[in-house]
Amino acid sequence: MKTDTHPKYFQNAQIKCACGNIIKIGSVKEKIEIEICSNCHPFFTGNEKLIDTAGRVERFKARKAKADSPKTSKKK
C-alpha cells in the first residue's frame, strides 16, 4: 500500500465565526472562517436576523418596487 496518502490531521483546529465565536474541533484544515454559526443562527437563537450578502435585499426591494409601479404603455 502507498504511504503518506492521507492529509495531515489537526487535533485542535479552530473555526472562527463572523460573530466572534471560536469553536475547536479536529479537521484537516488548521483554521476555518465561517459567516454564521449555531451561536448566531436565527434557528438556534430564536432571534430574527437578516443576513445581507452583497446587497441582495436592496436589489430585491428595487425589483419589487419596479414591478409594483404602474406600467405606461407606448402606442405608435
PDB file of N, CA and C in Angstrom:
ATOM      1  N   MET A   1       0.832  -1.193   0.000  1.00  0.00           N
ATOM      2  CA  MET A   1       0.000   0.000   0.000  1.00  0.00           C
ATOM      3  C   MET A   1       0.871   1.249   0.000  1.00  0.00           C
ATOM      4  N   LYS A   2       0.305   2.340  -0.522  1.00  0.00           N
ATOM      5  CA  LYS A   2       1.042   3.601  -0.541  1.00  0.00           C
ATOM      6  C   LYS A   2       1.072   4.214   0.851  1.00  0.00           C
ATOM      7  N   THR A   3       2.159   4.898   1.126  1.00  0.00           N
ATOM      8  CA  THR A   3       2.257   5.606   2.398  1.00  0.00           C
ATOM      9  C   THR A   3       2.073   7.097   2.152  1.00  0.00           C
ATOM     10  N   ASP A   4       1.744   7.838   3.170  1.00  0.00           N
ATOM     11  CA  ASP A   4       1.555   9.289   3.126  1.00  0.00           C
ATOM     12  C   ASP A   4       0.475   9.727   2.134  1.00  0.00           C
ATOM     13  N   THR A   5      -0.621   8.997   2.083  1.00  0.00           N
ATOM     14  CA  THR A   5      -1.719   9.373   1.184  1.00  0.00           C
ATOM     15  C   THR A   5      -2.761  10.228   1.881  1.00  0.00           C
ATOM     16  N   HIS A   6      -2.777  10.208   3.187  1.00  0.00           N
ATOM     17  CA  HIS A   6      -3.770  10.960   3.936  1.00  0.00           C
ATOM     18  C   HIS A   6      -3.244  12.357   4.292  1.00  0.00           C
ATOM     19  N   PRO A   7      -4.132  13.367   4.310  1.00  0.00           N
ATOM     20  CA  PRO A   7      -3.688  14.714   4.697  1.00  0.00           C
ATOM     21  C   PRO A   7      -3.388  14.779   6.195  1.00  0.00           C
ATOM     22  N   LYS A   8      -2.660  15.795   6.572  1.00  0.00           N
ATOM     23  CA  LYS A   8      -2.327  15.989   7.983  1.00  0.00           C
ATOM     24  C   LYS A   8      -3.594  16.353   8.746  1.00  0.00           C
ATOM     25  N   TYR A   9      -3.775  15.756   9.911  1.00  0.00           N
ATOM     26  CA  TYR A   9      -4.964  15.975  10.734  1.00  0.00           C
ATOM     27  C   TYR A   9      -4.594  16.872  11.907  1.00  0.00           C
ATOM     28  N   PHE A  10      -5.328  17.980  12.063  1.00  0.00           N
ATOM     29  CA  PHE A  10      -5.107  18.917  13.165  1.00  0.00           C
ATOM     30  C   PHE A  10      -6.119  18.620  14.265  1.00  0.00           C
ATOM     31  N   GLN A  11      -5.623  18.235  15.416  1.00  0.00           N
ATOM     32  CA  GLN A  11      -6.482  17.866  16.537  1.00  0.00           C
ATOM     33  C   GLN A  11      -7.219  19.076  17.110  1.00  0.00           C
ATOM     34  N   ASN A  12      -6.587  20.242  17.131  1.00  0.00           N
ATOM     35  CA  ASN A  12      -7.195  21.441  17.709  1.00  0.00           C
ATOM     36  C   ASN A  12      -7.383  22.525  16.652  1.00  0.00           C
ATOM     37  N   ALA A  13      -8.054  22.192  15.574  1.00  0.00           N
ATOM     38  CA  ALA A  13      -8.338  23.181  14.527  1.00  0.00           C
ATOM     39  C   ALA A  13      -9.374  24.169  15.045  1.00  0.00           C
ATOM     40  N   GLN A  14      -9.308  25.412  14.565  1.00  0.00           N
ATOM     41  CA  GLN A  14     -10.221  26.451  15.024  1.00  0.00           C
ATOM     42  C   GLN A  14     -11.169  26.874  13.917  1.00  0.00           C
ATOM     43  N   ILE A  15     -12.454  26.983  14.283  1.00  0.00           N
ATOM     44  CA  ILE A  15     -13.451  27.562  13.396  1.00  0.00           C
ATOM     45  C   ILE A  15     -13.796  28.912  13.986  1.00  0.00           C
ATOM     46  N   LYS A  16     -13.617  29.976  13.188  1.00  0.00           N
ATOM     47  CA  LYS A  16     -13.899  31.322  13.666  1.00  0.00           C
ATOM     48  C   LYS A  16     -15.100  31.869  12.903  1.00  0.00           C
ATOM     49  N   CYS A  17     -16.122  32.282  13.632  1.00  0.00           N
ATOM     50  CA  CYS A  17     -17.342  32.825  13.035  1.00  0.00           C
ATOM     51  C   CYS A  17     -17.227  34.344  12.929  1.00  0.00           C
ATOM     52  N   ALA A  18     -18.030  34.941  12.064  1.00  0.00           N
ATOM     53  CA  ALA A  18     -18.042  36.392  11.910  1.00  0.00           C
ATOM     54  C   ALA A  18     -18.523  37.086  13.186  1.00  0.00           C
ATOM     55  N   CYS A  19     -19.306  36.385  14.010  1.00  0.00           N
ATOM     56  CA  CYS A  19     -19.796  36.978  15.264  1.00  0.00           C
ATOM     57  C   CYS A  19     -18.722  36.964  16.345  1.00  0.00           C
ATOM     58  N   GLY A  20     -17.607  36.274  16.113  1.00  0.00           N
ATOM     59  CA  GLY A  20     -16.522  36.228  17.090  1.00  0.00           C
ATOM     60  C   GLY A  20     -16.429  34.911  17.842  1.00  0.00           C
ATOM     61  N   ASN A  21     -17.375  34.030  17.655  1.00  0.00           N
ATOM     62  CA  ASN A  21     -17.372  32.735  18.318  1.00  0.00           C
ATOM     63  C   ASN A  21     -16.257  31.862  17.738  1.00  0.00           C
ATOM     64  N   ILE A  22     -15.505  31.197  18.611  1.00  0.00           N
ATOM     65  CA  ILE A  22     -14.426  30.302  18.186  1.00  0.00           C
ATOM     66  C   ILE A  22     -14.743  28.898  18.684  1.00  0.00           C
ATOM     67  N   ILE A  23     -14.720  27.936  17.758  1.00  0.00           N
ATOM     68  CA  ILE A  23     -15.007  26.545  18.077  1.00  0.00           C
ATOM     69  C   ILE A  23     -13.764  25.737  17.750  1.00  0.00           C
ATOM     70  N   LYS A  24     -13.376  24.838  18.639  1.00  0.00           N
ATOM     71  CA  LYS A  24     -12.208  23.985  18.404  1.00  0.00           C
ATOM     72  C   LYS A  24     -12.689  22.577  18.094  1.00  0.00           C
ATOM     73  N   ILE A  25     -12.211  22.055  16.949  1.00  0.00           N
ATOM     74  CA  ILE A  25     -12.576  20.715  16.503  1.00  0.00           C
ATOM     75  C   ILE A  25     -11.354  20.047  15.899  1.00  0.00           C
ATOM     76  N   GLY A  26     -11.501  18.821  15.454  1.00  0.00           N
ATOM     77  CA  GLY A  26     -10.468  18.136  14.695  1.00  0.00           C
ATOM     78  C   GLY A  26     -10.790  18.244  13.218  1.00  0.00           C
ATOM     79  N   SER A  27      -9.806  18.623  12.405  1.00  0.00           N
ATOM     80  CA  SER A  27     -10.034  18.819  10.974  1.00  0.00           C
ATOM     81  C   SER A  27      -8.723  18.703  10.211  1.00  0.00           C
ATOM     82  N   VAL A  28      -8.824  18.600   8.890  1.00  0.00           N
ATOM     83  CA  VAL A  28      -7.637  18.586   8.052  1.00  0.00           C
ATOM     84  C   VAL A  28      -7.195  20.004   7.704  1.00  0.00           C
ATOM     85  N   LYS A  29      -8.022  20.993   8.013  1.00  0.00           N
ATOM     86  CA  LYS A  29      -7.634  22.396   7.854  1.00  0.00           C
ATOM     87  C   LYS A  29      -7.362  22.968   9.239  1.00  0.00           C
ATOM     88  N   GLU A  30      -6.306  23.762   9.339  1.00  0.00           N
ATOM     89  CA  GLU A  30      -5.924  24.290  10.655  1.00  0.00           C
ATOM     90  C   GLU A  30      -6.851  25.401  11.118  1.00  0.00           C
ATOM     91  N   LYS A  31      -7.243  26.300  10.186  1.00  0.00           N
ATOM     92  CA  LYS A  31      -8.132  27.411  10.526  1.00  0.00           C
ATOM     93  C   LYS A  31      -9.237  27.501   9.481  1.00  0.00           C
ATOM     94  N   ILE A  32     -10.478  27.660   9.957  1.00  0.00           N
ATOM     95  CA  ILE A  32     -11.635  27.778   9.084  1.00  0.00           C
ATOM     96  C   ILE A  32     -12.407  29.015   9.513  1.00  0.00           C
ATOM     97  N   GLU A  33     -12.813  29.849   8.540  1.00  0.00           N
ATOM     98  CA  GLU A  33     -13.615  31.034   8.842  1.00  0.00           C
ATOM     99  C   GLU A  33     -14.985  30.870   8.200  1.00  0.00           C
ATOM    100  N   ILE A  34     -16.040  31.095   9.005  1.00  0.00           N
ATOM    101  CA  ILE A  34     -17.410  30.958   8.524  1.00  0.00           C
ATOM    102  C   ILE A  34     -18.179  32.241   8.793  1.00  0.00           C
ATOM    103  N   GLU A  35     -19.335  32.391   8.134  1.00  0.00           N
ATOM    104  CA  GLU A  35     -20.144  33.599   8.283  1.00  0.00           C
ATOM    105  C   GLU A  35     -21.178  33.483   9.387  1.00  0.00           C
ATOM    106  N   ILE A  36     -21.666  32.289   9.629  1.00  0.00           N
ATOM    107  CA  ILE A  36     -22.732  32.106  10.623  1.00  0.00           C
ATOM    108  C   ILE A  36     -22.539  30.766  11.326  1.00  0.00           C
ATOM    109  N   CYS A  37     -22.805  30.742  12.626  1.00  0.00           N
ATOM    110  CA  CYS A  37     -22.637  29.523  13.407  1.00  0.00           C
ATOM    111  C   CYS A  37     -23.880  29.291  14.263  1.00  0.00           C
ATOM    112  N   SER A  38     -23.858  28.252  15.068  1.00  0.00           N
ATOM    113  CA  SER A  38     -25.003  27.945  15.924  1.00  0.00           C
ATOM    114  C   SER A  38     -25.192  29.005  17.012  1.00  0.00           C
ATOM    115  N   ASN A  39     -24.159  29.768  17.306  1.00  0.00           N
ATOM    116  CA  ASN A  39     -24.247  30.819  18.313  1.00  0.00           C
ATOM    117  C   ASN A  39     -25.032  32.030  17.807  1.00  0.00           C
ATOM    118  N   CYS A  40     -25.013  32.277  16.498  1.00  0.00           N
ATOM    119  CA  CYS A  40     -25.680  33.465  15.960  1.00  0.00           C
ATOM    120  C   CYS A  40     -26.757  33.142  14.926  1.00  0.00           C
ATOM    121  N   HIS A  41     -27.000  31.864  14.620  1.00  0.00           N
ATOM    122  CA  HIS A  41     -28.007  31.491  13.629  1.00  0.00           C
ATOM    123  C   HIS A  41     -29.410  31.677  14.207  1.00  0.00           C
ATOM    124  N   PRO A  42     -30.334  32.280  13.435  1.00  0.00           N
ATOM    125  CA  PRO A  42     -31.687  32.537  13.940  1.00  0.00           C
ATOM    126  C   PRO A  42     -32.440  31.276  14.372  1.00  0.00           C
ATOM    127  N   PHE A  43     -32.199  30.151  13.744  1.00  0.00           N
ATOM    128  CA  PHE A  43     -32.889  28.915  14.120  1.00  0.00           C
ATOM    129  C   PHE A  43     -32.547  28.501  15.542  1.00  0.00           C
ATOM    130  N   PHE A  44     -31.302  28.669  15.943  1.00  0.00           N
ATOM    131  CA  PHE A  44     -30.869  28.257  17.274  1.00  0.00           C
ATOM    132  C   PHE A  44     -31.080  29.326  18.329  1.00  0.00           C
ATOM    133  N   THR A  45     -31.011  30.608  17.947  1.00  0.00           N
ATOM    134  CA  THR A  45     -31.145  31.687  18.923  1.00  0.00           C
ATOM    135  C   THR A  45     -32.581  32.135  19.126  1.00  0.00           C
ATOM    136  N   GLY A  46     -33.425  31.954  18.122  1.00  0.00           N
ATOM    137  CA  GLY A  46     -34.812  32.408  18.220  1.00  0.00           C
ATOM    138  C   GLY A  46     -34.976  33.864  17.840  1.00  0.00           C
ATOM    139  N   ASN A  47     -33.900  34.546  17.532  1.00  0.00           N
ATOM    140  CA  ASN A  47     -33.949  35.946  17.122  1.00  0.00           C
ATOM    141  C   ASN A  47     -33.927  36.036  15.607  1.00  0.00           C
ATOM    142  N   GLU A  48     -34.728  36.969  15.071  1.00  0.00           N
ATOM    143  CA  GLU A  48     -34.713  37.161  13.630  1.00  0.00           C
ATOM    144  C   GLU A  48     -33.511  38.005  13.266  1.00  0.00           C
ATOM    145  N   LYS A  49     -32.754  37.541  12.300  1.00  0.00           N
ATOM    146  CA  LYS A  49     -31.548  38.248  11.879  1.00  0.00           C
ATOM    147  C   LYS A  49     -31.494  38.213  10.363  1.00  0.00           C
ATOM    148  N   LEU A  50     -31.329  39.372   9.768  1.00  0.00           N
ATOM    149  CA  LEU A  50     -31.273  39.461   8.317  1.00  0.00           C
ATOM    150  C   LEU A  50     -29.821  39.409   7.878  1.00  0.00           C
ATOM    151  N   ILE A  51     -29.505  38.415   7.070  1.00  0.00           N
ATOM    152  CA  ILE A  51     -28.148  38.267   6.567  1.00  0.00           C
ATOM    153  C   ILE A  51     -28.144  38.763   5.131  1.00  0.00           C
ATOM    154  N   ASP A  52     -27.502  39.895   4.896  1.00  0.00           N
ATOM    155  CA  ASP A  52     -27.485  40.505   3.576  1.00  0.00           C
ATOM    156  C   ASP A  52     -26.121  40.271   2.940  1.00  0.00           C
ATOM    157  N   THR A  53     -26.124  39.511   1.876  1.00  0.00           N
ATOM    158  CA  THR A  53     -24.892  39.222   1.166  1.00  0.00           C
ATOM    159  C   THR A  53     -24.868  40.015  -0.125  1.00  0.00           C
ATOM    160  N   ALA A  54     -23.978  40.964  -0.221  1.00  0.00           N
ATOM    161  CA  ALA A  54     -23.748  41.758  -1.436  1.00  0.00           C
ATOM    162  C   ALA A  54     -24.981  42.516  -1.888  1.00  0.00           C
ATOM    163  N   GLY A  55     -25.769  43.058  -0.952  1.00  0.00           N
ATOM    164  CA  GLY A  55     -26.894  43.927  -1.308  1.00  0.00           C
ATOM    165  C   GLY A  55     -28.072  43.209  -1.930  1.00  0.00           C
ATOM    166  N   ARG A  56     -28.267  41.956  -1.644  1.00  0.00           N
ATOM    167  CA  ARG A  56     -29.359  41.197  -2.246  1.00  0.00           C
ATOM    168  C   ARG A  56     -30.722  41.737  -1.829  1.00  0.00           C
ATOM    169  N   VAL A  57     -30.830  42.143  -0.576  1.00  0.00           N
ATOM    170  CA  VAL A  57     -32.112  42.655  -0.089  1.00  0.00           C
ATOM    171  C   VAL A  57     -32.474  43.943  -0.814  1.00  0.00           C
ATOM    172  N   GLU A  58     -31.512  44.838  -0.973  1.00  0.00           N
ATOM    173  CA  GLU A  58     -31.778  46.097  -1.667  1.00  0.00           C
ATOM    174  C   GLU A  58     -32.162  45.852  -3.128  1.00  0.00           C
ATOM    175  N   ARG A  59     -31.470  44.918  -3.780  1.00  0.00           N
ATOM    176  CA  ARG A  59     -31.811  44.607  -5.176  1.00  0.00           C
ATOM    177  C   ARG A  59     -33.215  44.022  -5.281  1.00  0.00           C
ATOM    178  N   PHE A  60     -33.593  43.175  -4.324  1.00  0.00           N
ATOM    179  CA  PHE A  60     -34.937  42.605  -4.334  1.00  0.00           C
ATOM    180  C   PHE A  60     -35.985  43.688  -4.133  1.00  0.00           C
ATOM    181  N   LYS A  61     -35.755  44.585  -3.181  1.00  0.00           N
ATOM    182  CA  LYS A  61     -36.718  45.664  -2.932  1.00  0.00           C
ATOM    183  C   LYS A  61     -36.856  46.576  -4.146  1.00  0.00           C
ATOM    184  N   ALA A  62     -35.752  46.850  -4.830  1.00  0.00           N
ATOM    185  CA  ALA A  62     -35.803  47.690  -6.032  1.00  0.00           C
ATOM    186  C   ALA A  62     -36.599  46.999  -7.140  1.00  0.00           C
ATOM    187  N   ARG A  63     -36.381  45.699  -7.319  1.00  0.00           N
ATOM    188  CA  ARG A  63     -37.141  44.958  -8.338  1.00  0.00           C
ATOM    189  C   ARG A  63     -38.619  44.917  -7.997  1.00  0.00           C
ATOM    190  N   LYS A  64     -38.944  44.743  -6.722  1.00  0.00           N
ATOM    191  CA  LYS A  64     -40.339  44.684  -6.293  1.00  0.00           C
ATOM    192  C   LYS A  64     -41.009  46.029  -6.491  1.00  0.00           C
ATOM    193  N   ALA A  65     -40.316  47.108  -6.161  1.00  0.00           N
ATOM    194  CA  ALA A  65     -40.883  48.445  -6.351  1.00  0.00           C
ATOM    195  C   ALA A  65     -41.123  48.713  -7.835  1.00  0.00           C
ATOM    196  N   LYS A  66     -40.215  48.281  -8.665  1.00  0.00           N
ATOM    197  CA  LYS A  66     -40.363  48.475 -10.108  1.00  0.00           C
ATOM    198  C   LYS A  66     -41.545  47.668 -10.630  1.00  0.00           C
ATOM    199  N   ALA A  67     -41.731  46.456 -10.125  1.00  0.00           N
ATOM    200  CA  ALA A  67     -42.837  45.601 -10.565  1.00  0.00           C
ATOM    201  C   ALA A  67     -44.181  46.145 -10.081  1.00  0.00           C
ATOM    202  N   ASP A  68     -44.211  46.767  -8.895  1.00  0.00           N
ATOM    203  CA  ASP A  68     -45.457  47.290  -8.338  1.00  0.00           C
ATOM    204  C   ASP A  68     -45.863  48.636  -8.938  1.00  0.00           C
ATOM    205  N   SER A  69     -44.923  49.352  -9.532  1.00  0.00           N
ATOM    206  CA  SER A  69     -45.246  50.665 -10.099  1.00  0.00           C
ATOM    207  C   SER A  69     -46.124  50.489 -11.334  1.00  0.00           C
ATOM    208  N   PRO A  70     -47.034  51.464 -11.585  1.00  0.00           N
ATOM    209  CA  PRO A  70     -47.917  51.355 -12.760  1.00  0.00           C
ATOM    210  C   PRO A  70     -47.095  51.438 -14.046  1.00  0.00           C
ATOM    211  N   LYS A  71     -47.453  50.565 -14.963  1.00  0.00           N
ATOM    212  CA  LYS A  71     -46.711  50.498 -16.217  1.00  0.00           C
ATOM    213  C   LYS A  71     -47.364  51.474 -17.234  1.00  0.00           C
ATOM    214  N   THR A  72     -46.523  52.127 -18.005  1.00  0.00           N
ATOM    215  CA  THR A  72     -47.033  53.004 -19.061  1.00  0.00           C
ATOM    216  C   THR A  72     -46.905  52.263 -20.371  1.00  0.00           C
ATOM    217  N   SER A  73     -47.943  52.352 -21.149  1.00  0.00           N
ATOM    218  CA  SER A  73     -47.899  51.662 -22.440  1.00  0.00           C
ATOM    219  C   SER A  73     -47.530  52.660 -23.534  1.00  0.00           C
ATOM    220  N   LYS A  74     -46.717  52.213 -24.439  1.00  0.00           N
ATOM    221  CA  LYS A  74     -46.291  53.053 -25.558  1.00  0.00           C
ATOM    222  C   LYS A  74     -47.115  52.689 -26.774  1.00  0.00           C
ATOM    223  N   LYS A  75     -47.759  53.677 -27.367  1.00  0.00           N
ATOM    224  CA  LYS A  75     -48.536  53.461 -28.570  1.00  0.00           C
ATOM    225  C   LYS A  75     -47.909  54.209 -29.722  1.00  0.00           C
ATOM    226  N   LYS A  76     -47.936  53.592 -30.891  1.00  0.00           N
ATOM    227  CA  LYS A  76     -47.356  54.221 -32.068  1.00  0.00           C
ATOM    228  C   LYS A  76     -48.406  54.997 -32.809  1.00  0.00           C
TER     229      LYS A  76
END
